[in-house]
Amino acid sequence: MRTYLIEDLYNKDYDTIVKAFDELGFKGPLQGIYYIPVPDDMLQSEQIEHLNECGPYFMALECIEEFDDNKMKLELLVRSRNKIRCSCVCYATPGQREHMIEYLDQFIEELEVSV
């Protein structure tokens, strides 16, 4: 799996980020998993065609809390909420990847967390 990893987060900073994701309603069905929405204007043509049936689309963010090594791992796979397997579920395009990494970095920066 291709991922973007942010590691060595202090406990306070990790808690701040997780709380902000909780408040935005990004929490997934499993503890520590968040669904970061991919904007509709960033979708590939097939994803747009499948939007009503498969969408909405997201990238999964795994928040891993460990005693001395908190980290966040963003999967660079565009998933759909309504179907696990479909041709529209695929690795992010370079544009999607760049946008989502920048989104995550900016989100953390706006919370005044230094990484």
PDB file of N, CA and C in Angstrom:
ATOM      1  N   MET A   1       0.841  -1.177   0.000  1.00  0.00           N
ATOM      2  CA  MET A   1       0.000   0.000   0.000  1.00  0.00           C
ATOM      3  C   MET A   1       0.886   1.241   0.000  1.00  0.00           C
ATOM      4  N   ARG A   2       0.554   2.184  -0.804  1.00  0.00           N
ATOM      5  CA  ARG A   2       1.249   3.465  -0.833  1.00  0.00           C
ATOM      6  C   ARG A   2       0.653   4.360   0.237  1.00  0.00           C
ATOM      7  N   THR A   3       1.514   5.013   1.003  1.00  0.00           N
ATOM      8  CA  THR A   3       1.034   5.853   2.099  1.00  0.00           C
ATOM      9  C   THR A   3       1.878   7.106   2.246  1.00  0.00           C
ATOM     10  N   TYR A   4       1.302   8.069   2.950  1.00  0.00           N
ATOM     11  CA  TYR A   4       2.011   9.267   3.379  1.00  0.00           C
ATOM     12  C   TYR A   4       2.036   9.204   4.896  1.00  0.00           C
ATOM     13  N   LEU A   5       3.214   9.216   5.485  1.00  0.00           N
ATOM     14  CA  LEU A   5       3.375   8.989   6.912  1.00  0.00           C
ATOM     15  C   LEU A   5       3.864  10.246   7.625  1.00  0.00           C
ATOM     16  N   ILE A   6       3.182  10.575   8.712  1.00  0.00           N
ATOM     17  CA  ILE A   6       3.620  11.636   9.616  1.00  0.00           C
ATOM     18  C   ILE A   6       3.875  10.947  10.943  1.00  0.00           C
ATOM     19  N   GLU A   7       5.095  11.065  11.455  1.00  0.00           N
ATOM     20  CA  GLU A   7       5.425  10.361  12.692  1.00  0.00           C
ATOM     21  C   GLU A   7       6.054  11.301  13.704  1.00  0.00           C
ATOM     22  N   ASP A   8       6.335  10.749  14.885  1.00  0.00           N
ATOM     23  CA  ASP A   8       6.953  11.492  15.987  1.00  0.00           C
ATOM     24  C   ASP A   8       6.083  12.653  16.471  1.00  0.00           C
ATOM     25  N   LEU A   9       4.780  12.415  16.571  1.00  0.00           N
ATOM     26  CA  LEU A   9       3.873  13.436  17.079  1.00  0.00           C
ATOM     27  C   LEU A   9       3.814  13.368  18.609  1.00  0.00           C
ATOM     28  N   TYR A  10       3.958  14.500  19.248  1.00  0.00           N
ATOM     29  CA  TYR A  10       3.797  14.550  20.699  1.00  0.00           C
ATOM     30  C   TYR A  10       2.351  14.199  21.052  1.00  0.00           C
ATOM     31  N   ASN A  11       2.150  13.652  22.251  1.00  0.00           N
ATOM     32  CA  ASN A  11       0.807  13.239  22.674  1.00  0.00           C
ATOM     33  C   ASN A  11      -0.198  14.382  22.574  1.00  0.00           C
ATOM     34  N   LYS A  12       0.182  15.563  23.059  1.00  0.00           N
ATOM     35  CA  LYS A  12      -0.716  16.724  23.024  1.00  0.00           C
ATOM     36  C   LYS A  12      -1.094  17.078  21.587  1.00  0.00           C
ATOM     37  N   ASP A  13      -0.118  17.095  20.692  1.00  0.00           N
ATOM     38  CA  ASP A  13      -0.376  17.426  19.292  1.00  0.00           C
ATOM     39  C   ASP A  13      -1.238  16.355  18.628  1.00  0.00           C
ATOM     40  N   TYR A  14      -0.942  15.114  18.900  1.00  0.00           N
ATOM     41  CA  TYR A  14      -1.730  14.004  18.359  1.00  0.00           C
ATOM     42  C   TYR A  14      -3.189  14.136  18.800  1.00  0.00           C
ATOM     43  N   ASP A  15      -3.408  14.399  20.089  1.00  0.00           N
ATOM     44  CA  ASP A  15      -4.764  14.545  20.616  1.00  0.00           C
ATOM     45  C   ASP A  15      -5.490  15.723  19.972  1.00  0.00           C
ATOM     46  N   THR A  16      -4.781  16.816  19.739  1.00  0.00           N
ATOM     47  CA  THR A  16      -5.367  17.991  19.092  1.00  0.00           C
ATOM     48  C   THR A  16      -5.857  17.658  17.686  1.00  0.00           C
ATOM     49  N   ILE A  17      -5.042  16.941  16.933  1.00  0.00           N
ATOM     50  CA  ILE A  17      -5.401  16.586  15.556  1.00  0.00           C
ATOM     51  C   ILE A  17      -6.593  15.635  15.538  1.00  0.00           C
ATOM     52  N   VAL A  18      -6.551  14.609  16.377  1.00  0.00           N
ATOM     53  CA  VAL A  18      -7.634  13.621  16.419  1.00  0.00           C
ATOM     54  C   VAL A  18      -8.945  14.292  16.830  1.00  0.00           C
ATOM     55  N   LYS A  19      -8.891  15.164  17.813  1.00  0.00           N
ATOM     56  CA  LYS A  19     -10.092  15.876  18.260  1.00  0.00           C
ATOM     57  C   LYS A  19     -10.689  16.707  17.122  1.00  0.00           C
ATOM     58  N   ALA A  20      -9.838  17.365  16.355  1.00  0.00           N
ATOM     59  CA  ALA A  20     -10.311  18.176  15.230  1.00  0.00           C
ATOM     60  C   ALA A  20     -10.981  17.306  14.165  1.00  0.00           C
ATOM     61  N   PHE A  21     -10.416  16.138  13.877  1.00  0.00           N
ATOM     62  CA  PHE A  21     -11.044  15.230  12.917  1.00  0.00           C
ATOM     63  C   PHE A  21     -12.377  14.711  13.445  1.00  0.00           C
ATOM     64  N   ASP A  22     -12.440  14.428  14.748  1.00  0.00           N
ATOM     65  CA  ASP A  22     -13.704  13.998  15.362  1.00  0.00           C
ATOM     66  C   ASP A  22     -14.775  15.072  15.184  1.00  0.00           C
ATOM     67  N   GLU A  23     -14.403  16.314  15.449  1.00  0.00           N
ATOM     68  CA  GLU A  23     -15.352  17.428  15.344  1.00  0.00           C
ATOM     69  C   GLU A  23     -15.847  17.639  13.918  1.00  0.00           C
ATOM     70  N   LEU A  24     -15.021  17.301  12.937  1.00  0.00           N
ATOM     71  CA  LEU A  24     -15.425  17.437  11.535  1.00  0.00           C
ATOM     72  C   LEU A  24     -16.297  16.275  11.057  1.00  0.00           C
ATOM     73  N   GLY A  25     -16.414  15.242  11.873  1.00  0.00           N
ATOM     74  CA  GLY A  25     -17.234  14.089  11.492  1.00  0.00           C
ATOM     75  C   GLY A  25     -16.535  13.138  10.546  1.00  0.00           C
ATOM     76  N   PHE A  26     -15.212  13.120  10.554  1.00  0.00           N
ATOM     77  CA  PHE A  26     -14.440  12.252   9.658  1.00  0.00           C
ATOM     78  C   PHE A  26     -14.203  10.854  10.227  1.00  0.00           C
ATOM     79  N   LYS A  27     -14.681  10.608  11.439  1.00  0.00           N
ATOM     80  CA  LYS A  27     -14.416   9.336  12.115  1.00  0.00           C
ATOM     81  C   LYS A  27     -15.015   8.170  11.340  1.00  0.00           C
ATOM     82  N   GLY A  28     -14.189   7.141  11.142  1.00  0.00           N
ATOM     83  CA  GLY A  28     -14.641   5.934  10.461  1.00  0.00           C
ATOM     84  C   GLY A  28     -15.236   4.949  11.452  1.00  0.00           C
ATOM     85  N   PRO A  29     -15.582   3.757  10.985  1.00  0.00           N
ATOM     86  CA  PRO A  29     -16.236   2.766  11.844  1.00  0.00           C
ATOM     87  C   PRO A  29     -15.283   2.083  12.834  1.00  0.00           C
ATOM     88  N   LEU A  30     -13.996   2.166  12.603  1.00  0.00           N
ATOM     89  CA  LEU A  30     -13.009   1.538  13.479  1.00  0.00           C
ATOM     90  C   LEU A  30     -12.242   2.603  14.236  1.00  0.00           C
ATOM     91  N   GLN A  31     -11.852   2.268  15.459  1.00  0.00           N
ATOM     92  CA  GLN A  31     -11.064   3.189  16.283  1.00  0.00           C
ATOM     93  C   GLN A  31      -9.775   3.578  15.557  1.00  0.00           C
ATOM     94  N   GLY A  32      -9.508   4.876  15.497  1.00  0.00           N
ATOM     95  CA  GLY A  32      -8.275   5.369  14.898  1.00  0.00           C
ATOM     96  C   GLY A  32      -8.308   5.515  13.389  1.00  0.00           C
ATOM     97  N   ILE A  33      -9.460   5.256  12.761  1.00  0.00           N
ATOM     98  CA  ILE A  33      -9.581   5.390  11.302  1.00  0.00           C
ATOM     99  C   ILE A  33     -10.466   6.584  10.989  1.00  0.00           C
ATOM    100  N   TYR A  34      -9.988   7.413  10.084  1.00  0.00           N
ATOM    101  CA  TYR A  34     -10.730   8.595   9.660  1.00  0.00           C
ATOM    102  C   TYR A  34     -10.852   8.581   8.144  1.00  0.00           C
ATOM    103  N   TYR A  35     -11.996   9.040   7.659  1.00  0.00           N
ATOM    104  CA  TYR A  35     -12.268   9.123   6.226  1.00  0.00           C
ATOM    105  C   TYR A  35     -12.137  10.577   5.798  1.00  0.00           C
ATOM    106  N   ILE A  36     -11.082  10.884   5.071  1.00  0.00           N
ATOM    107  CA  ILE A  36     -10.838  12.242   4.596  1.00  0.00           C
ATOM    108  C   ILE A  36     -11.438  12.361   3.193  1.00  0.00           C
ATOM    109  N   PRO A  37     -12.474  13.178   3.039  1.00  0.00           N
ATOM    110  CA  PRO A  37     -13.163  13.253   1.742  1.00  0.00           C
ATOM    111  C   PRO A  37     -12.269  13.796   0.624  1.00  0.00           C
ATOM    112  N   VAL A  38     -12.413  13.182  -0.535  1.00  0.00           N
ATOM    113  CA  VAL A  38     -11.763  13.690  -1.745  1.00  0.00           C
ATOM    114  C   VAL A  38     -12.772  14.633  -2.407  1.00  0.00           C
ATOM    115  N   PRO A  39     -12.408  15.889  -2.651  1.00  0.00           N
ATOM    116  CA  PRO A  39     -13.351  16.830  -3.267  1.00  0.00           C
ATOM    117  C   PRO A  39     -13.820  16.335  -4.637  1.00  0.00           C
ATOM    118  N   ASP A  40     -15.095  16.579  -4.927  1.00  0.00           N
ATOM    119  CA  ASP A  40     -15.666  16.133  -6.196  1.00  0.00           C
ATOM    120  C   ASP A  40     -14.907  16.665  -7.405  1.00  0.00           C
ATOM    121  N   ASP A  41     -14.380  17.882  -7.300  1.00  0.00           N
ATOM    122  CA  ASP A  41     -13.671  18.451  -8.443  1.00  0.00           C
ATOM    123  C   ASP A  41     -12.291  17.820  -8.655  1.00  0.00           C
ATOM    124  N   MET A  42     -11.877  16.922  -7.746  1.00  0.00           N
ATOM    125  CA  MET A  42     -10.600  16.213  -7.884  1.00  0.00           C
ATOM    126  C   MET A  42     -10.794  14.775  -8.395  1.00  0.00           C
ATOM    127  N   LEU A  43     -12.039  14.359  -8.589  1.00  0.00           N
ATOM    128  CA  LEU A  43     -12.309  12.977  -8.977  1.00  0.00           C
ATOM    129  C   LEU A  43     -11.931  12.705 -10.424  1.00  0.00           C
ATOM    130  N   GLN A  44     -11.546  11.455 -10.693  1.00  0.00           N
ATOM    131  CA  GLN A  44     -11.290  11.002 -12.057  1.00  0.00           C
ATOM    132  C   GLN A  44     -12.632  10.842 -12.777  1.00  0.00           C
ATOM    133  N   SER A  45     -12.615  10.767 -14.093  1.00  0.00           N
ATOM    134  CA  SER A  45     -13.863  10.689 -14.857  1.00  0.00           C
ATOM    135  C   SER A  45     -14.705   9.465 -14.461  1.00  0.00           C
ATOM    136  N   GLU A  46     -14.078   8.329 -14.252  1.00  0.00           N
ATOM    137  CA  GLU A  46     -14.831   7.136 -13.860  1.00  0.00           C
ATOM    138  C   GLU A  46     -15.446   7.310 -12.465  1.00  0.00           C
ATOM    139  N   GLN A  47     -14.734   7.967 -11.577  1.00  0.00           N
ATOM    140  CA  GLN A  47     -15.272   8.211 -10.237  1.00  0.00           C
ATOM    141  C   GLN A  47     -16.468   9.147 -10.304  1.00  0.00           C
ATOM    142  N   ILE A  48     -16.419  10.118 -11.186  1.00  0.00           N
ATOM    143  CA  ILE A  48     -17.555  11.024 -11.377  1.00  0.00           C
ATOM    144  C   ILE A  48     -18.752  10.239 -11.912  1.00  0.00           C
ATOM    145  N   GLU A  49     -18.508   9.353 -12.882  1.00  0.00           N
ATOM    146  CA  GLU A  49     -19.585   8.526 -13.441  1.00  0.00           C
ATOM    147  C   GLU A  49     -20.207   7.617 -12.385  1.00  0.00           C
ATOM    148  N   HIS A  50     -19.426   7.144 -11.442  1.00  0.00           N
ATOM    149  CA  HIS A  50     -19.881   6.204 -10.413  1.00  0.00           C
ATOM    150  C   HIS A  50     -20.305   6.897  -9.115  1.00  0.00           C
ATOM    151  N   LEU A  51     -20.277   8.219  -9.083  1.00  0.00           N
ATOM    152  CA  LEU A  51     -20.488   8.960  -7.841  1.00  0.00           C
ATOM    153  C   LEU A  51     -21.801   8.589  -7.148  1.00  0.00           C
ATOM    154  N   ASN A  52     -22.901   8.516  -7.889  1.00  0.00           N
ATOM    155  CA  ASN A  52     -24.192   8.214  -7.266  1.00  0.00           C
ATOM    156  C   ASN A  52     -24.261   6.784  -6.744  1.00  0.00           C
ATOM    157  N   GLU A  53     -23.614   5.866  -7.419  1.00  0.00           N
ATOM    158  CA  GLU A  53     -23.676   4.461  -7.026  1.00  0.00           C
ATOM    159  C   GLU A  53     -22.615   4.099  -5.992  1.00  0.00           C
ATOM    160  N   CYS A  54     -21.396   4.578  -6.155  1.00  0.00           N
ATOM    161  CA  CYS A  54     -20.278   4.170  -5.300  1.00  0.00           C
ATOM    162  C   CYS A  54     -19.876   5.219  -4.274  1.00  0.00           C
ATOM    163  N   GLY A  55     -19.999   6.471  -4.633  1.00  0.00           N
ATOM    164  CA  GLY A  55     -19.489   7.548  -3.800  1.00  0.00           C
ATOM    165  C   GLY A  55     -20.240   7.714  -2.499  1.00  0.00           C
ATOM    166  N   PRO A  56     -19.808   8.659  -1.695  1.00  0.00           N
ATOM    167  CA  PRO A  56     -18.705   9.597  -1.896  1.00  0.00           C
ATOM    168  C   PRO A  56     -17.341   8.920  -1.741  1.00  0.00           C
ATOM    169  N   TYR A  57     -16.321   9.606  -2.185  1.00  0.00           N
ATOM    170  CA  TYR A  57     -14.967   9.055  -2.189  1.00  0.00           C
ATOM    171  C   TYR A  57     -14.135   9.673  -1.068  1.00  0.00           C
ATOM    172  N   PHE A  58     -13.170   8.909  -0.585  1.00  0.00           N
ATOM    173  CA  PHE A  58     -12.333   9.359   0.517  1.00  0.00           C
ATOM    174  C   PHE A  58     -10.998   8.635   0.486  1.00  0.00           C
ATOM    175  N   MET A  59     -10.070   9.148   1.277  1.00  0.00           N
ATOM    176  CA  MET A  59      -8.824   8.441   1.578  1.00  0.00           C
ATOM    177  C   MET A  59      -8.838   8.151   3.066  1.00  0.00           C
ATOM    178  N   ALA A  60      -8.385   6.980   3.441  1.00  0.00           N
ATOM    179  CA  ALA A  60      -8.375   6.579   4.844  1.00  0.00           C
ATOM    180  C   ALA A  60      -7.111   7.088   5.530  1.00  0.00           C
ATOM    181  N   LEU A  61      -7.309   7.635   6.715  1.00  0.00           N
ATOM    182  CA  LEU A  61      -6.210   8.094   7.553  1.00  0.00           C
ATOM    183  C   LEU A  61      -6.219   7.240   8.812  1.00  0.00           C
ATOM    184  N   GLU A  62      -5.118   6.551   9.060  1.00  0.00           N
ATOM    185  CA  GLU A  62      -4.996   5.740  10.265  1.00  0.00           C
ATOM    186  C   GLU A  62      -4.185   6.521  11.291  1.00  0.00           C
ATOM    187  N   CYS A  63      -4.782   6.736  12.456  1.00  0.00           N
ATOM    188  CA  CYS A  63      -4.109   7.434  13.545  1.00  0.00           C
ATOM    189  C   CYS A  63      -3.651   6.381  14.544  1.00  0.00           C
ATOM    190  N   ILE A  64      -2.348   6.306  14.728  1.00  0.00           N
ATOM    191  CA  ILE A  64      -1.743   5.256  15.544  1.00  0.00           C
ATOM    192  C   ILE A  64      -1.141   5.902  16.789  1.00  0.00           C
ATOM    193  N   GLU A  65      -1.745   5.593  17.932  1.00  0.00           N
ATOM    194  CA  GLU A  65      -1.278   6.147  19.194  1.00  0.00           C
ATOM    195  C   GLU A  65      -0.432   5.106  19.908  1.00  0.00           C
ATOM    196  N   GLU A  66       0.832   5.422  20.086  1.00  0.00           N
ATOM    197  CA  GLU A  66       1.766   4.540  20.781  1.00  0.00           C
ATOM    198  C   GLU A  66       2.470   5.343  21.853  1.00  0.00           C
ATOM    199  N   PHE A  67       2.979   4.668  22.820  1.00  0.00           N
ATOM    200  CA  PHE A  67       3.578   5.315  23.986  1.00  0.00           C
ATOM    201  C   PHE A  67       4.535   6.444  23.618  1.00  0.00           C
ATOM    202  N   ASP A  68       5.435   6.196  22.715  1.00  0.00           N
ATOM    203  CA  ASP A  68       6.443   7.212  22.397  1.00  0.00           C
ATOM    204  C   ASP A  68       6.589   7.471  20.909  1.00  0.00           C
ATOM    205  N   ASP A  69       5.609   7.071  20.129  1.00  0.00           N
ATOM    206  CA  ASP A  69       5.732   7.231  18.676  1.00  0.00           C
ATOM    207  C   ASP A  69       4.362   7.328  18.016  1.00  0.00           C
ATOM    208  N   ASN A  70       3.630   8.420  18.292  1.00  0.00           N
ATOM    209  CA  ASN A  70       2.334   8.626  17.641  1.00  0.00           C
ATOM    210  C   ASN A  70       2.576   8.954  16.173  1.00  0.00           C
ATOM    211  N   LYS A  71       1.701   8.430  15.327  1.00  0.00           N
ATOM    212  CA  LYS A  71       1.855   8.697  13.900  1.00  0.00           C
ATOM    213  C   LYS A  71       0.512   8.685  13.201  1.00  0.00           C
ATOM    214  N   MET A  72       0.507   9.205  11.984  1.00  0.00           N
ATOM    215  CA  MET A  72      -0.670   9.225  11.131  1.00  0.00           C
ATOM    216  C   MET A  72      -0.246   8.754   9.760  1.00  0.00           C
ATOM    217  N   LYS A  73      -1.051   7.842   9.230  1.00  0.00           N
ATOM    218  CA  LYS A  73      -0.713   7.235   7.948  1.00  0.00           C
ATOM    219  C   LYS A  73      -1.894   7.413   6.999  1.00  0.00           C
ATOM    220  N   LEU A  74      -1.697   8.201   5.957  1.00  0.00           N
ATOM    221  CA  LEU A  74      -2.711   8.446   4.952  1.00  0.00           C
ATOM    222  C   LEU A  74      -2.506   7.471   3.801  1.00  0.00           C
ATOM    223  N   GLU A  75      -3.508   6.614   3.569  1.00  0.00           N
ATOM    224  CA  GLU A  75      -3.441   5.708   2.418  1.00  0.00           C
ATOM    225  C   GLU A  75      -3.662   6.520   1.159  1.00  0.00           C
ATOM    226  N   LEU A  76      -2.869   6.294   0.165  1.00  0.00           N
ATOM    227  CA  LEU A  76      -2.999   7.027  -1.104  1.00  0.00           C
ATOM    228  C   LEU A  76      -3.861   6.232  -2.080  1.00  0.00           C
ATOM    229  N   LEU A  77      -4.925   5.666  -1.550  1.00  0.00           N
ATOM    230  CA  LEU A  77      -5.908   4.902  -2.319  1.00  0.00           C
ATOM    231  C   LEU A  77      -7.239   5.616  -2.172  1.00  0.00           C
ATOM    232  N   VAL A  78      -7.878   5.924  -3.292  1.00  0.00           N
ATOM    233  CA  VAL A  78      -9.192   6.550  -3.255  1.00  0.00           C
ATOM    234  C   VAL A  78     -10.225   5.437  -3.122  1.00  0.00           C
ATOM    235  N   ARG A  79     -10.931   5.469  -1.999  1.00  0.00           N
ATOM    236  CA  ARG A  79     -11.948   4.456  -1.695  1.00  0.00           C
ATOM    237  C   ARG A  79     -13.336   5.053  -1.867  1.00  0.00           C
ATOM    238  N   SER A  80     -14.320   4.168  -1.996  1.00  0.00           N
ATOM    239  CA  SER A  80     -15.703   4.628  -2.077  1.00  0.00           C
ATOM    240  C   SER A  80     -16.460   4.170  -0.838  1.00  0.00           C
ATOM    241  N   ARG A  81     -17.427   4.955  -0.419  1.00  0.00           N
ATOM    242  CA  ARG A  81     -18.204   4.630   0.784  1.00  0.00           C
ATOM    243  C   ARG A  81     -19.161   3.472   0.559  1.00  0.00           C
ATOM    244  N   ASN A  82     -19.687   3.334  -0.653  1.00  0.00           N
ATOM    245  CA  ASN A  82     -20.775   2.390  -0.881  1.00  0.00           C
ATOM    246  C   ASN A  82     -20.368   1.075  -1.520  1.00  0.00           C
ATOM    247  N   LYS A  83     -19.154   0.977  -2.022  1.00  0.00           N
ATOM    248  CA  LYS A  83     -18.674  -0.270  -2.616  1.00  0.00           C
ATOM    249  C   LYS A  83     -17.218  -0.474  -2.252  1.00  0.00           C
ATOM    250  N   ILE A  84     -16.901  -1.700  -1.881  1.00  0.00           N
ATOM    251  CA  ILE A  84     -15.509  -1.997  -1.562  1.00  0.00           C
ATOM    252  C   ILE A  84     -14.723  -2.289  -2.827  1.00  0.00           C
ATOM    253  N   ARG A  85     -15.352  -3.020  -3.734  1.00  0.00           N
ATOM    254  CA  ARG A  85     -14.671  -3.384  -4.975  1.00  0.00           C
ATOM    255  C   ARG A  85     -15.406  -2.813  -6.178  1.00  0.00           C
ATOM    256  N   CYS A  86     -14.682  -1.996  -6.891  1.00  0.00           N
ATOM    257  CA  CYS A  86     -15.172  -1.416  -8.137  1.00  0.00           C
ATOM    258  C   CYS A  86     -13.951  -0.846  -8.850  1.00  0.00           C
ATOM    259  N   SER A  87     -14.050  -0.706 -10.136  1.00  0.00           N
ATOM    260  CA  SER A  87     -12.921  -0.169 -10.893  1.00  0.00           C
ATOM    261  C   SER A  87     -12.632   1.291 -10.543  1.00  0.00           C
ATOM    262  N   CYS A  88     -13.597   1.971  -9.912  1.00  0.00           N
ATOM    263  CA  CYS A  88     -13.386   3.367  -9.527  1.00  0.00           C
ATOM    264  C   CYS A  88     -12.567   3.499  -8.246  1.00  0.00           C
ATOM    265  N   VAL A  89     -12.390   2.409  -7.530  1.00  0.00           N
ATOM    266  CA  VAL A  89     -11.538   2.400  -6.337  1.00  0.00           C
ATOM    267  C   VAL A  89     -10.118   2.111  -6.816  1.00  0.00           C
ATOM    268  N   CYS A  90      -9.243   3.098  -6.692  1.00  0.00           N
ATOM    269  CA  CYS A  90      -7.904   2.953  -7.264  1.00  0.00           C
ATOM    270  C   CYS A  90      -6.939   3.910  -6.572  1.00  0.00           C
ATOM    271  N   TYR A  91      -5.658   3.709  -6.851  1.00  0.00           N
ATOM    272  CA  TYR A  91      -4.661   4.620  -6.300  1.00  0.00           C
ATOM    273  C   TYR A  91      -4.917   6.037  -6.809  1.00  0.00           C
ATOM    274  N   ALA A  92      -4.592   6.991  -5.988  1.00  0.00           N
ATOM    275  CA  ALA A  92      -4.787   8.396  -6.317  1.00  0.00           C
ATOM    276  C   ALA A  92      -3.947   8.800  -7.517  1.00  0.00           C
ATOM    277  N   THR A  93      -4.502   9.688  -8.310  1.00  0.00           N
ATOM    278  CA  THR A  93      -3.732  10.287  -9.392  1.00  0.00           C
ATOM    279  C   THR A  93      -2.694  11.214  -8.759  1.00  0.00           C
ATOM    280  N   PRO A  94      -1.689  11.629  -9.522  1.00  0.00           N
ATOM    281  CA  PRO A  94      -0.724  12.582  -8.948  1.00  0.00           C
ATOM    282  C   PRO A  94      -1.409  13.840  -8.399  1.00  0.00           C
ATOM    283  N   GLY A  95      -2.425  14.340  -9.085  1.00  0.00           N
ATOM    284  CA  GLY A  95      -3.132  15.529  -8.607  1.00  0.00           C
ATOM    285  C   GLY A  95      -3.901  15.282  -7.322  1.00  0.00           C
ATOM    286  N   GLN A  96      -4.586  14.146  -7.243  1.00  0.00           N
ATOM    287  CA  GLN A  96      -5.308  13.795  -6.015  1.00  0.00           C
ATOM    288  C   GLN A  96      -4.337  13.623  -4.856  1.00  0.00           C
ATOM    289  N   ARG A  97      -3.256  12.937  -5.130  1.00  0.00           N
ATOM    290  CA  ARG A  97      -2.249  12.679  -4.101  1.00  0.00           C
ATOM    291  C   ARG A  97      -1.687  14.001  -3.565  1.00  0.00           C
ATOM    292  N   GLU A  98      -1.294  14.877  -4.464  1.00  0.00           N
ATOM    293  CA  GLU A  98      -0.733  16.164  -4.070  1.00  0.00           C
ATOM    294  C   GLU A  98      -1.740  16.977  -3.269  1.00  0.00           C
ATOM    295  N   HIS A  99      -2.980  17.003  -3.732  1.00  0.00           N
ATOM    296  CA  HIS A  99      -4.022  17.774  -3.043  1.00  0.00           C
ATOM    297  C   HIS A  99      -4.261  17.259  -1.628  1.00  0.00           C
ATOM    298  N   MET A 100      -4.394  15.945  -1.473  1.00  0.00           N
ATOM    299  CA  MET A 100      -4.722  15.370  -0.171  1.00  0.00           C
ATOM    300  C   MET A 100      -3.561  15.486   0.818  1.00  0.00           C
ATOM    301  N   ILE A 101      -2.347  15.324   0.346  1.00  0.00           N
ATOM    302  CA  ILE A 101      -1.184  15.506   1.223  1.00  0.00           C
ATOM    303  C   ILE A 101      -1.107  16.962   1.667  1.00  0.00           C
ATOM    304  N   GLU A 102      -1.300  17.875   0.738  1.00  0.00           N
ATOM    305  CA  GLU A 102      -1.279  19.299   1.063  1.00  0.00           C
ATOM    306  C   GLU A 102      -2.419  19.638   2.032  1.00  0.00           C
ATOM    307  N   TYR A 103      -3.594  19.051   1.809  1.00  0.00           N
ATOM    308  CA  TYR A 103      -4.730  19.279   2.706  1.00  0.00           C
ATOM    309  C   TYR A 103      -4.370  18.859   4.131  1.00  0.00           C
ATOM    310  N   LEU A 104      -3.817  17.663   4.283  1.00  0.00           N
ATOM    311  CA  LEU A 104      -3.455  17.150   5.600  1.00  0.00           C
ATOM    312  C   LEU A 104      -2.378  18.022   6.249  1.00  0.00           C
ATOM    313  N   ASP A 105      -1.360  18.380   5.496  1.00  0.00           N
ATOM    314  CA  ASP A 105      -0.291  19.241   6.018  1.00  0.00           C
ATOM    315  C   ASP A 105      -0.837  20.598   6.473  1.00  0.00           C
ATOM    316  N   GLN A 106      -1.699  21.194   5.659  1.00  0.00           N
ATOM    317  CA  GLN A 106      -2.259  22.503   5.986  1.00  0.00           C
ATOM    318  C   GLN A 106      -3.197  22.409   7.189  1.00  0.00           C
ATOM    319  N   PHE A 107      -3.980  21.338   7.254  1.00  0.00           N
ATOM    320  CA  PHE A 107      -4.881  21.105   8.379  1.00  0.00           C
ATOM    321  C   PHE A 107      -4.093  21.080   9.686  1.00  0.00           C
ATOM    322  N   ILE A 108      -3.012  20.341   9.698  1.00  0.00           N
ATOM    323  CA  ILE A 108      -2.172  20.223  10.891  1.00  0.00           C
ATOM    324  C   ILE A 108      -1.505  21.565  11.214  1.00  0.00           C
ATOM    325  N   GLU A 109      -1.052  22.261  10.189  1.00  0.00           N
ATOM    326  CA  GLU A 109      -0.419  23.568  10.405  1.00  0.00           C
ATOM    327  C   GLU A 109      -1.402  24.569  11.001  1.00  0.00           C
ATOM    328  N   GLU A 110      -2.655  24.553  10.546  1.00  0.00           N
ATOM    329  CA  GLU A 110      -3.661  25.472  11.061  1.00  0.00           C
ATOM    330  C   GLU A 110      -3.997  25.194  12.522  1.00  0.00           C
ATOM    331  N   LEU A 111      -3.745  23.969  12.967  1.00  0.00           N
ATOM    332  CA  LEU A 111      -3.935  23.623  14.384  1.00  0.00           C
ATOM    333  C   LEU A 111      -2.705  24.020  15.211  1.00  0.00           C
ATOM    334  N   GLU A 112      -1.731  24.628  14.549  1.00  0.00           N
ATOM    335  CA  GLU A 112      -0.485  25.082  15.167  1.00  0.00           C
ATOM    336  C   GLU A 112       0.316  23.928  15.758  1.00  0.00           C
ATOM    337  N   VAL A 113       0.288  22.822  15.032  1.00  0.00           N
ATOM    338  CA  VAL A 113       1.097  21.645  15.391  1.00  0.00           C
ATOM    339  C   VAL A 113       2.299  21.631  14.470  1.00  0.00           C
ATOM    340  N   SER A 114       3.486  21.542  15.034  1.00  0.00           N
ATOM    341  CA  SER A 114       4.679  21.479  14.189  1.00  0.00           C
ATOM    342  C   SER A 114       5.085  20.030  14.037  1.00  0.00           C
ATOM    343  N   VAL A 115       5.359  19.667  12.803  1.00  0.00           N
ATOM    344  CA  VAL A 115       5.836  18.303  12.507  1.00  0.00           C
ATOM    345  C   VAL A 115       7.109  18.370  11.714  1.00  0.00           C
TER     346      VAL A 115
END
